[in-house]
């Protein structure tokens, strides 16, 4: 299943390929001494859109990346929900603290329950921070995906406009006294190519709409309630200011990730359960901390061993029954085994954090290299397209080769935009996996 980002990238590559095919049709239909082929239509880059009034005529507010993140953090219901859970945890701690001395005599495990509740407060705070980090990441990702999709939609519009010019020129040539090699069959092929280009334009527009829909969901706003437009009209080309190494990224992840604070708090809660059960000597059925909380309430990411995706093993789930039965020794022995399982849970969580950090760094390295290669290719492509446009007016120039060169340059430009998009996404992922230890200087942040 394609995401808005991958679907838009796929559509743009098809646009470039379709453009090359149509240009080849036209070049093949021209002979020596015929009128020159039309020069390619200029690319209406995003800098021209503001001058043409394409984005500012409706008076919608203009939001930067920082604005979108602020709205998402303020309005996202998932964050409000986890904050409510945090409030409930604090209320539970206050309830335990309000129990007087008489209650402590009747409940010898009360001091340990209070300690467990304190660890629960720590875990709740880690939950809030974890979700906050994910919302910032999602807003950043979808913001730049929406910008990327909009760039592709504009590119597709340019392709359609150019192919329409080529079709009109072919019709004029066919109806002229000296049509050369142009005939109805080749004109039909050009019209077919135009229809394909229009389909690609429609796909690009759909990708743009889907990207905006995803961004609105992260921000928890509806199109009717809060219409807006993006401040960035093209993807920023930026570099990470601080040199990064894999060891640095892993260390920041281990020091800052709230998942590890949550897991450590869980280990303490399970260890304290051993002491709580040991404090109750006579009773044969004793509730555990799980009777007052759902230790399975948090979502656990599914593992993946698909050969076509990254290796992502499943985490270990903590376990604890709501009550244990038997003598004090039997109860202590049973919860002791669950406590050992939780220590394995912490170790597995740590290993998964390390894996997440390493994968994010390797992707960042690859994306940075791809941007460097793509930048050189785009500069060559720009020079190549300028040369091709000049040679189109030369009747002696081989039109088939010129068309192939132009299509190749168009594909290089499209690939460069895609590499910039992927680089920005890897920067956002580094910020998430290091819990803000890596903080890219995104414009407007």
Foldseek 3Di string as FASTA:
>chain_A
DDALLRLLLVLLLVLLVLLLVLLLLLLVQDDFPDFFAAAADDQCALVCCVVVVVFPPPPAAAAELVRLLVLLCVDQVVLVVLVVVLVVLVVVLVVLVPDDPVVCVVQVLSVLVNVLSVLVNLLSVLVNLLVSLVLSLQLLLLLLSLLLLLRSLSVLVSSLVRLVSRLVVLVVLAPDPPNGRRDPVSSVVSVVSSVVSVVSSVSSVVSNVSSVVSSCNSSVHDCVGHPHHYPDNAQDDDDQPDDDDLVVLLVLLLVDRSVLSNLVSVLSQLVSQLVSLLSDAPAFKAFGVCLVDPQPPDDWDDADDPPVDDGGHGAQGQDDDRMHGDGSVVSSVVSVVSSVSSVVRSVRSSVRLSVLSNVLVVLLVVLVVQLVVLVVLLVVLVVLSVVLSVCSSPSVDSSSVSSNSNSVSSSSVSSNSSSSSSNSSSQSSSCSSSSNPRDGPDPPD
